[in-house]
Amino acid sequence: MRSLWPLLRRRGFDALIILATVLGTAQVAFAGESADSPRTTLWFCVPATALVMLPLLARRRFPFGAPLAVWLLGPASSFVDGHLVPFVPSISVAGLAAAFLLGNLRNSLEAWLGLAVVVTGAAIVVYHDPSHAAPELFFVPLLFSIGWLAGYALQERAEEAEAAEERASLAEREREAAARIAVAEERARIARELHDIVAHAVSVMVLQIGAVRHKLPDELGEDREALQGVEQAGRTALAEMRRLLSAMRGEDDSPELVPQPGLEHLDSLLGEVRRAGLPVELHVDGEPPSLPRAVDLSAYRIVQEGLTNALKHAHASKADVSIRYRGDELELEIRDDGAGTAGSDGLGHGLVGIRERVKIYGGEMTAGTANGRGFVLNARLPLVGTRR
């Protein structure tokens, strides 16, 4: 049955066309003598009946020509015998199917041309029928026009669905591209901050080595030369690092003239958020250890981005920041009571930036709604192996 269904979908309509052709020709062949039966010889009526319907078998290869042939051959046969087409219902069914196929064409010019042929052809067939009534000259073409209209409406709907799918696909590609750009920008930002920290540490090391070298007595000349080599290597590394920092900064990025912030600056950050209209409470659990400078900066940035999202995107009325020192890890939680949608400030940061910062230290991050409302951001930064 599973293999039969695809075959029916592909060839079922063809089978119906062949069946209708067989029934139509049999009806003409065994019609006998009646008032409505065709008047011409069977040598014309039987082939003509088959010839009118069989072009539909070529509809896949000739989507415009095949159904159009039905509406050209049918009216053409009525010039020879006006009784033939009205006598065979199968021809009318084939004409209705052809009208539908013409309306279903993607090319609107071909579709409207097909409608003109359908209306004209139907009127010709009715006119050549000796037993026709005057209203049939209107209602019969109208019937086939409705079949054309059904195909046209279905095609319009299919095009709208394809357009919607294309827009969704394009939007998805744009989101993926924006996400990649955001990740790249955030990684560059993190790299600049870490290079600033490392450059500061190297500067301190170079200065301390220089101070020690100048205090060494003359009899420790070899040690002084060794320290001078280390000092020179540090200055070279520092110059290269500053050159790298300059290359990493964009045209609109200015050098940092103040120290990078850390968790000790949270009071100032929370004050700014409160002045912006979002009440914030800070909860600290555990004894704050001496954090590595990079971890301290990343923790501050995570809280900053979480509060920015709550303020700009979640439409929250309050927020809570919890900092938990667990000995081997630092846990940060930012919770608000907003609409539960917070993600990015549109500049490549937000959750993207938080995820990248957490990933650097092998931590974990979760984000989502809480009980159907509000947004909870939780980040864990391991401290084992990173302490000063």
Foldseek 3Di string as FASTA:
>chain_A
DVVVVVVCVVCVVVVVLVVLLVVLLVCLVPVPDDPLHWDDDNVPLSVLSNQLRVLVVCCVVPVLVSLLSNLVSQLVVLVVTLSRQVVRVSSVVSNLVSLLSLLQDPPVVSSVVSLVSLLVSQLSSQVSNPPHDPCSSPVRSVVSNVSSVVSNVVNVVVVVVVVVVVVVVVVVVVVVVLLVVLLVVLVLVLVLLVLVVVLVVLVVVLVVLVVVLVPDDPVVVVVSVVSVVVSVVSVVVSVVSVVVSVVSDDPPDDDDPDRQDFPVCVVVLQVVLVVLQEAEEEAEADDDDQFDPSVRNLLVVLVNLLSVQCSPPFPFNYKYWYWYDDPFKIKIKIKTFGAWDGADPSNSPRPSSNVSSLVVQPKDWDWTADPNGIIMIMIMHTRVPRGD
